[in-house]
């Protein structure tokens, strides 16, 4: 019957089943008295553990219903003890610093209604229906979470073999596009060919203002015939703007790609790479790139990618990264890569996590679905992913 057909069409991934269960829980909370009134504002816009707060009981009730506060906890008069621990749990699930301090961001998230969260879960389920399922081995980047995971199958079950923070394209300027592709190469000590758009808008104007920047950054010019020129001149900069020369950064510690690049050919010239700017990985929100994806732990990723090539052990990987000579190796088997977008997921701890809709894709999908109620889509992954053709 129809029910059987619908069930057969649903994705078989454990994540899909977990999100459906989470959706059922949040739907049960829609209309709950705990959200009928907003929480009282916190004194001075910031509530720290140990302070008095008129909304402690209301806050505790919300946290209990959301599963962050154990049901048997006593209700303190002050903001302290189990309620602070519950807020830390809530903050962790909502991509906030888990410090137990209720500032503006945490307060705003605490006031989001279960109906809004339920809609977020519905949109995540909708996207999963048309996101390609990872094969036996695959890399999946969840853009709004700023996290990359490497998956592999053992005994018919898919598990996570690698996980790391990533930096993605800047919201509103150079968002990372959504697509799936196949990784085919790893490039050690890579050259960085400055994309024409970055050369035009940023690099050439900077070199005209500060010619010393050319040597500082180990730049060189390369002609369409492959000939290399190491001298900065106005004529060469003009040739870059005409498309007759390109600017290239030599391998080394200053290289924008760091010491390794993971290549999965695609129309947007997007790839995974290391970066010299490692301090940015400490930020909670990490959309700082021109579109490409910077990885926190390139050695762990290289080991995962090259694990069926045992001659590429960690020592050899580190040696090739440090050598300063560009070397490209082809993978024995292409490795699927999925650049995905989900603002909510259920992690292995069974908790549901929510992330900011940094590119507005949820908003766009919500508007489209409301125009056509009841329609189930089978859209390509990039349907709501803005395209860019730069790094």
Protein backbone atom coordinates (compact mmCIF):
# COMPACT_ATOMS: atom_id res chain seq x y z
CA UNK A 1 0.00 0.00 0.00
CA UNK A 2 0.89 3.70 0.08
CA UNK A 3 2.43 3.51 3.60
CA UNK A 4 4.76 0.73 2.49
CA UNK A 5 5.80 2.73 -0.60
CA UNK A 6 6.57 5.81 1.53
CA UNK A 7 8.59 3.71 4.01
CA UNK A 8 10.55 2.14 1.14
CA UNK A 9 11.38 5.62 -0.22
CA UNK A 10 12.80 6.82 3.13
CA UNK A 11 16.59 6.79 3.42
CA UNK A 12 17.97 3.79 5.31
CA UNK A 13 20.63 5.76 7.20
CA UNK A 14 20.60 5.55 11.00
CA UNK A 15 20.72 9.37 11.06
CA UNK A 16 17.36 9.55 9.27
CA UNK A 17 15.73 7.26 11.86
CA UNK A 18 17.31 9.21 14.74
CA UNK A 19 16.13 12.57 13.36
CA UNK A 20 12.58 11.19 13.00
CA UNK A 21 12.61 10.16 16.66
CA UNK A 22 13.90 13.62 17.64
CA UNK A 23 11.17 15.23 15.53
CA UNK A 24 8.50 13.17 17.34
CA UNK A 25 9.89 14.37 20.72
CA UNK A 26 9.91 18.05 19.71
CA UNK A 27 6.42 17.81 18.21
CA UNK A 28 5.18 16.52 21.58
CA UNK A 29 6.53 19.72 23.18
CA UNK A 30 4.72 22.05 20.74
CA UNK A 31 2.13 23.96 22.76
CA UNK A 32 3.76 23.05 26.10
CA UNK A 33 3.00 25.62 28.86
CA UNK A 34 6.78 25.89 29.45
CA UNK A 35 7.08 28.00 26.27
CA UNK A 36 3.85 30.02 26.57
CA UNK A 37 5.74 32.96 28.08
CA UNK A 38 9.31 34.05 27.30
CA UNK A 39 11.87 33.58 30.06
CA UNK A 40 12.35 36.65 32.27
CA UNK A 41 15.29 38.71 31.05
CA UNK A 42 18.54 38.11 32.92
CA UNK A 43 19.82 40.98 35.10
CA UNK A 44 22.44 43.01 33.27
CA UNK A 45 22.08 40.79 30.19
CA UNK A 46 24.34 38.08 31.66
CA UNK A 47 23.62 35.39 34.25
CA UNK A 48 26.56 33.65 35.92
CA UNK A 49 26.40 30.62 38.24
CA UNK A 50 25.43 31.44 41.85
CA UNK A 51 23.32 34.52 40.99
CA UNK A 52 19.65 34.97 41.82
CA UNK A 53 17.30 34.78 38.83
CA UNK A 54 13.52 35.14 38.83
CA UNK A 55 13.22 32.67 35.95
CA UNK A 56 15.14 29.78 37.53
CA UNK A 57 12.06 27.53 37.90
CA UNK A 58 10.85 28.25 34.34
CA UNK A 59 14.36 27.69 32.97
CA UNK A 60 14.68 24.38 34.84
CA UNK A 61 11.34 23.18 33.48
CA UNK A 62 12.39 23.89 29.87
CA UNK A 63 15.72 22.13 30.38
CA UNK A 64 13.94 19.14 31.93
CA UNK A 65 11.55 18.84 28.98
CA UNK A 66 14.47 19.14 26.52
CA UNK A 67 16.36 16.35 28.30
CA UNK A 68 19.27 18.50 29.51
CA UNK A 69 18.19 18.44 33.18
CA UNK A 70 17.56 15.06 34.86
CA UNK A 71 13.88 14.70 35.78
CA UNK A 72 14.58 14.05 39.48
CA UNK A 73 16.68 17.20 40.03
CA UNK A 74 15.67 19.50 42.87
CA UNK A 75 14.71 23.06 41.94
CA UNK A 76 17.28 25.53 43.33
CA UNK A 77 16.31 29.11 44.23
CA UNK A 78 19.47 30.46 42.67
CA UNK A 79 21.05 29.72 39.31
CA UNK A 80 23.42 26.99 40.49
CA UNK A 81 24.13 23.27 40.67
CA UNK A 82 22.27 20.93 38.31
CA UNK A 83 20.61 23.81 36.41
CA UNK A 84 24.04 25.25 35.48
CA UNK A 85 25.16 21.76 34.34
CA UNK A 86 21.95 21.49 32.28
CA UNK A 87 22.66 24.86 30.65
CA UNK A 88 26.17 23.63 29.77
CA UNK A 89 24.60 20.56 28.13
CA UNK A 90 22.14 22.82 26.28
CA UNK A 91 24.97 25.11 25.12
CA UNK A 92 26.98 22.18 23.82
CA UNK A 93 23.96 20.97 21.83
CA UNK A 94 23.45 24.43 20.30
CA UNK A 95 27.06 25.14 19.20
CA UNK A 96 27.67 27.65 21.99
CA UNK A 97 30.65 27.86 24.39
CA UNK A 98 29.64 25.47 27.21
CA UNK A 99 30.59 27.83 30.05
CA UNK A 100 27.27 27.82 31.95
CA UNK A 101 26.99 31.62 31.56
CA UNK A 102 23.68 32.77 30.08
CA UNK A 103 24.53 35.69 27.79
CA UNK A 104 22.54 37.00 24.81
CA UNK A 105 23.25 34.05 22.44
CA UNK A 106 22.36 31.38 25.01
CA UNK A 107 19.28 33.33 26.16
CA UNK A 108 18.07 33.65 22.54
CA UNK A 109 18.52 29.90 21.94
CA UNK A 110 16.68 29.04 25.19
CA UNK A 111 13.69 31.03 23.92
CA UNK A 112 13.47 29.21 20.56
CA UNK A 113 10.17 27.33 20.57
CA UNK A 114 9.78 23.56 20.07
CA UNK A 115 7.72 24.35 16.92
CA UNK A 116 10.72 26.16 15.38
CA UNK A 117 13.03 23.26 16.30
CA UNK A 118 10.54 20.76 14.86
CA UNK A 119 10.60 22.65 11.56
CA UNK A 120 14.41 22.61 11.61
CA UNK A 121 14.29 18.82 12.03
CA UNK A 122 11.74 18.50 9.19
CA UNK A 123 14.08 20.44 6.88
CA UNK A 124 17.02 18.21 7.86
CA UNK A 125 14.95 15.10 7.05
CA UNK A 126 13.93 16.63 3.72
CA UNK A 127 17.56 17.26 2.80
CA UNK A 128 18.59 13.73 3.79
CA UNK A 129 16.10 12.38 1.24
CA UNK A 130 18.12 13.85 -1.59
CA UNK A 131 21.64 13.74 -0.12
CA UNK A 132 23.69 10.87 -1.55
CA UNK A 133 24.29 8.18 1.07
CA UNK A 134 27.99 7.61 1.78
CA UNK A 135 29.46 4.46 0.25
CA UNK A 136 31.53 1.93 2.26
CA UNK A 137 34.16 4.66 2.64
CA UNK A 138 33.41 8.36 2.33
CA UNK A 139 34.18 11.84 3.59
CA UNK A 140 31.24 14.03 4.65
CA UNK A 141 31.58 17.73 5.52
CA UNK A 142 28.60 19.26 7.33
CA UNK A 143 29.03 22.95 6.52
CA UNK A 144 26.96 24.66 9.29
CA UNK A 145 28.51 22.36 11.91
CA UNK A 146 32.06 23.14 10.66
CA UNK A 147 32.95 19.44 10.97
CA UNK A 148 34.38 16.77 8.63
CA UNK A 149 33.84 13.05 9.24
CA UNK A 150 35.44 10.07 7.55
CA UNK A 151 33.22 6.97 7.42
CA UNK A 152 34.03 3.34 6.68
CA UNK A 153 32.05 0.10 6.80
CA UNK A 154 32.91 -2.95 8.91
CA UNK A 155 30.74 -6.09 8.94
CA UNK A 156 27.99 -4.28 7.07
CA UNK A 157 27.86 -1.37 9.54
CA UNK A 158 29.16 2.11 8.76
CA UNK A 159 31.17 3.80 11.52
CA UNK A 160 33.13 7.01 11.95
CA UNK A 161 36.88 6.58 11.44
CA UNK A 162 37.95 10.26 11.45
CA UNK A 163 36.50 13.52 12.73
CA UNK A 164 37.90 17.06 12.75
CA UNK A 165 36.99 20.74 12.73
CA UNK A 166 36.94 22.58 9.42
CA UNK A 167 36.83 26.18 8.21
CA UNK A 168 34.34 26.85 5.40
CA UNK A 169 33.47 29.71 3.05
CA UNK A 170 32.42 33.06 4.49
CA UNK A 171 28.64 33.56 4.74
CA UNK A 172 27.34 36.34 2.50
CA UNK A 173 30.59 36.57 0.51
CA UNK A 174 32.11 33.27 -0.59
CA UNK A 175 29.93 30.40 0.70
CA UNK A 176 31.15 26.84 0.16
CA UNK A 177 28.93 25.21 -2.51
CA UNK A 178 27.14 21.92 -1.80
CA UNK A 179 27.87 18.95 -4.07
CA UNK A 180 29.24 15.42 -4.13
CA UNK A 181 32.40 14.37 -5.98
CA UNK A 182 35.20 11.79 -5.88
CA UNK A 183 38.59 12.45 -4.32
CA UNK A 184 41.30 11.27 -6.74
CA UNK A 185 44.56 12.96 -5.68
CA UNK A 186 46.56 14.08 -2.68
CA UNK A 187 49.09 16.84 -3.30
CA UNK A 188 51.95 17.30 -0.83
CA UNK A 189 53.74 20.66 -0.46
CA UNK A 190 51.31 22.14 -3.01
CA UNK A 191 51.67 25.26 -5.10
CA UNK A 192 48.76 27.68 -4.67
CA UNK A 193 47.53 29.11 -7.95
CA UNK A 194 45.81 32.32 -6.89
CA UNK A 195 42.32 32.20 -8.48
CA UNK A 196 41.72 35.01 -11.01
CA UNK A 197 38.98 36.59 -8.89
CA UNK A 198 41.21 36.76 -5.79
CA UNK A 199 44.14 38.02 -7.91
CA UNK A 200 41.98 40.78 -9.41
CA UNK A 201 40.19 41.87 -6.21
CA UNK A 202 42.88 41.34 -3.58
CA UNK A 203 46.37 40.25 -4.63
CA UNK A 204 47.16 42.64 -7.52
CA UNK A 205 45.93 45.77 -5.64
CA UNK A 206 47.96 44.70 -2.58
CA UNK A 207 51.11 44.14 -4.68
CA UNK A 208 50.75 47.58 -6.26
CA UNK A 209 50.50 49.14 -2.77
CA UNK A 210 53.20 46.99 -1.17
CA UNK A 211 55.69 45.45 -3.67
CA UNK A 212 57.62 43.74 -0.81
CA UNK A 213 54.58 41.48 -0.32
CA UNK A 214 55.60 39.59 -3.49
CA UNK A 215 58.81 38.22 -1.93
CA UNK A 216 57.31 37.87 1.55
CA UNK A 217 54.65 35.51 0.20
CA UNK A 218 56.98 33.53 -2.11
CA UNK A 219 54.93 34.49 -5.18
CA UNK A 220 55.91 34.00 -8.82
CA UNK A 221 54.23 34.54 -12.21
CA UNK A 222 53.40 31.65 -14.54
CA UNK A 223 52.52 32.09 -18.21
CA UNK A 224 49.95 30.09 -20.16
CA UNK A 225 52.95 28.23 -21.65
CA UNK A 226 54.08 27.18 -18.12
CA UNK A 227 57.08 29.53 -18.14
CA UNK A 228 57.88 30.92 -14.64
CA UNK A 229 58.88 34.55 -13.99
CA UNK A 230 60.12 35.60 -10.57
CA UNK A 231 60.24 39.40 -11.09
CA UNK A 232 57.48 41.77 -9.96
CA UNK A 233 56.64 44.46 -12.51
CA UNK A 234 53.65 46.57 -13.50
CA UNK A 235 53.69 44.87 -16.90
CA UNK A 236 53.37 41.44 -15.26
CA UNK A 237 50.54 42.61 -12.99
CA UNK A 238 48.73 44.03 -16.05
CA UNK A 239 49.23 40.66 -17.78
CA UNK A 240 47.59 38.91 -14.77
CA UNK A 241 44.52 41.15 -15.15
CA UNK A 242 44.39 40.31 -18.88
CA UNK A 243 44.57 36.57 -18.12
CA UNK A 244 47.99 36.12 -19.78
CA UNK A 245 49.83 35.35 -16.52
CA UNK A 246 48.72 33.88 -13.22
CA UNK A 247 50.18 34.42 -9.74
CA UNK A 248 51.40 31.30 -7.98
CA UNK A 249 52.63 30.81 -4.41
CA UNK A 250 55.52 28.39 -4.01
CA UNK A 251 55.35 25.51 -1.49
CA UNK A 252 56.50 26.36 2.02
CA UNK A 253 55.40 27.52 5.47
CA UNK A 254 53.64 30.64 4.11
CA UNK A 255 51.61 28.78 1.49
CA UNK A 256 47.88 29.49 1.85
CA UNK A 257 47.11 25.78 1.36
CA UNK A 258 49.48 24.72 4.11
CA UNK A 259 51.47 21.59 3.31
CA UNK A 260 48.81 19.30 1.84
CA UNK A 261 45.83 19.49 -0.50
CA UNK A 262 43.10 16.87 -1.11
CA UNK A 263 41.70 17.06 -4.65
CA UNK A 264 38.25 15.92 -5.78
CA UNK A 265 37.76 17.47 -9.25
CA UNK A 266 34.66 19.69 -9.42
CA UNK A 267 33.36 22.67 -11.39
CA UNK A 268 33.83 25.06 -8.46
CA UNK A 269 37.54 24.35 -7.91
CA UNK A 270 36.83 23.47 -4.26
CA UNK A 271 39.22 21.24 -2.33
CA UNK A 272 40.28 20.32 1.20
CA UNK A 273 43.60 21.67 2.45
CA UNK A 274 45.65 22.53 5.51
CA UNK A 275 46.33 26.15 6.51
CA UNK A 276 49.01 28.20 8.28
CA UNK A 277 46.21 30.09 10.13
CA UNK A 278 45.51 27.35 12.70
CA UNK A 279 44.31 29.72 15.46
CA UNK A 280 40.96 30.10 13.65
CA UNK A 281 40.06 26.51 14.57
CA UNK A 282 39.57 27.71 18.17
CA UNK A 283 36.53 29.78 17.14
CA UNK A 284 33.03 28.34 17.59
CA UNK A 285 31.90 29.78 14.25
CA UNK A 286 34.37 29.04 11.46
CA UNK A 287 33.33 30.54 8.12
CA UNK A 288 36.46 32.41 7.05
CA UNK A 289 37.58 30.95 3.70
CA UNK A 290 37.10 31.94 0.06
CA UNK A 291 35.04 28.73 -0.41
CA UNK A 292 37.55 25.90 0.00
CA UNK A 293 37.58 23.84 3.18
CA UNK A 294 40.51 24.04 5.59
CA UNK A 295 41.04 20.96 7.78
CA UNK A 296 42.27 20.96 11.38
CA UNK A 297 44.14 17.63 11.33
CA UNK A 298 45.57 17.03 7.83
CA UNK A 299 47.78 14.12 8.94
CA UNK A 300 44.80 12.16 10.34
CA UNK A 301 42.86 12.90 7.14
CA UNK A 302 45.79 11.77 4.95
CA UNK A 303 46.06 8.54 6.95
CA UNK A 304 42.32 7.90 6.44
CA UNK A 305 42.46 8.75 2.71
CA UNK A 306 45.62 6.69 2.06
CA UNK A 307 44.91 3.73 4.33
CA UNK A 308 44.74 1.26 1.43
CA UNK A 309 48.24 2.40 0.36
CA UNK A 310 50.32 1.07 3.31
CA UNK A 311 53.55 2.48 1.88
CA UNK A 312 52.14 5.90 2.85
CA UNK A 313 52.55 5.59 6.62
CA UNK A 314 52.50 8.59 8.96
CA UNK A 315 56.27 9.13 8.83
CA UNK A 316 56.24 9.27 5.03
CA UNK A 317 53.20 11.57 5.01
CA UNK A 318 54.93 13.99 7.40
CA UNK A 319 58.13 13.88 5.36
CA UNK A 320 56.30 14.70 2.11
CA UNK A 321 54.39 17.55 3.82
CA UNK A 322 57.61 19.09 5.15
CA UNK A 323 59.74 18.60 2.03
CA UNK A 324 58.77 21.81 0.25
CA UNK A 325 58.70 20.02 -3.13
CA UNK A 326 55.32 19.59 -4.78
CA UNK A 327 54.35 15.92 -5.20
CA UNK A 328 50.97 14.61 -6.34
CA UNK A 329 49.83 11.01 -5.81
CA UNK A 330 46.78 9.36 -7.33
CA UNK A 331 44.50 7.33 -5.05
CA UNK A 332 44.10 3.65 -5.94
CA UNK A 333 40.32 3.98 -5.59
CA UNK A 334 38.35 7.24 -5.83
CA UNK A 335 36.96 8.26 -2.43
CA UNK A 336 33.43 9.79 -2.35
CA UNK A 337 33.21 13.28 -0.83
CA UNK A 338 29.87 14.86 0.15
CA UNK A 339 29.67 18.57 1.02
CA UNK A 340 26.37 18.61 2.92
CA UNK A 341 24.26 21.12 4.84
CA UNK A 342 22.28 20.12 7.92
CA UNK A 343 21.53 22.51 10.78
CA UNK A 344 20.60 19.62 13.07
CA UNK A 345 21.80 16.07 13.65
CA UNK A 346 21.71 13.33 16.27
CA UNK A 347 25.21 12.36 17.41
CA UNK A 348 26.43 9.04 18.78
CA UNK A 349 25.54 10.15 22.33
CA UNK A 350 21.87 10.08 21.29
CA UNK A 351 21.46 13.86 21.79
CA UNK A 352 20.09 16.17 19.12
CA UNK A 353 22.36 19.09 18.16
CA UNK A 354 21.39 22.34 16.42
CA UNK A 355 23.56 24.74 14.37
CA UNK A 356 23.03 28.21 12.93
CA UNK A 357 21.65 28.46 9.38
CA UNK A 358 24.77 30.38 8.31
CA UNK A 359 24.01 30.48 4.58
CA UNK A 360 20.21 30.82 4.87
CA UNK A 361 19.64 27.51 3.03
CA UNK A 362 17.07 26.36 5.64
CA UNK A 363 15.14 29.59 5.18
CA UNK A 364 15.14 29.13 1.40
CA UNK A 365 14.11 25.47 1.59
CA UNK A 366 11.35 26.30 4.08
CA UNK A 367 9.95 28.94 1.71
CA UNK A 368 10.02 26.54 -1.24
CA UNK A 369 8.32 23.74 0.69
CA UNK A 370 5.58 26.09 1.94
CA UNK A 371 4.80 27.02 -1.67
CA UNK A 372 4.15 23.34 -2.45
CA UNK A 373 2.76 21.66 0.68
CA UNK A 374 2.74 17.87 0.60
CA UNK A 375 5.34 17.53 -2.16
CA UNK A 376 8.34 15.30 -1.50
CA UNK A 377 11.35 16.44 -3.48
CA UNK A 378 14.15 14.53 -5.14
CA UNK A 379 16.51 17.44 -5.65
CA UNK A 380 20.24 17.42 -6.43
CA UNK A 381 22.46 18.20 -3.45
CA UNK A 382 23.40 21.60 -4.86
CA UNK A 383 19.77 22.69 -5.30
CA UNK A 384 19.99 25.19 -2.44
CA UNK A 385 23.79 25.53 -2.42
CA UNK A 386 25.00 28.84 -3.80
CA UNK A 387 27.72 28.32 -6.38
CA UNK A 388 31.08 30.00 -6.27
CA UNK A 389 34.06 29.51 -8.54
CA UNK A 390 36.76 30.64 -6.17
CA UNK A 391 38.90 29.25 -3.42
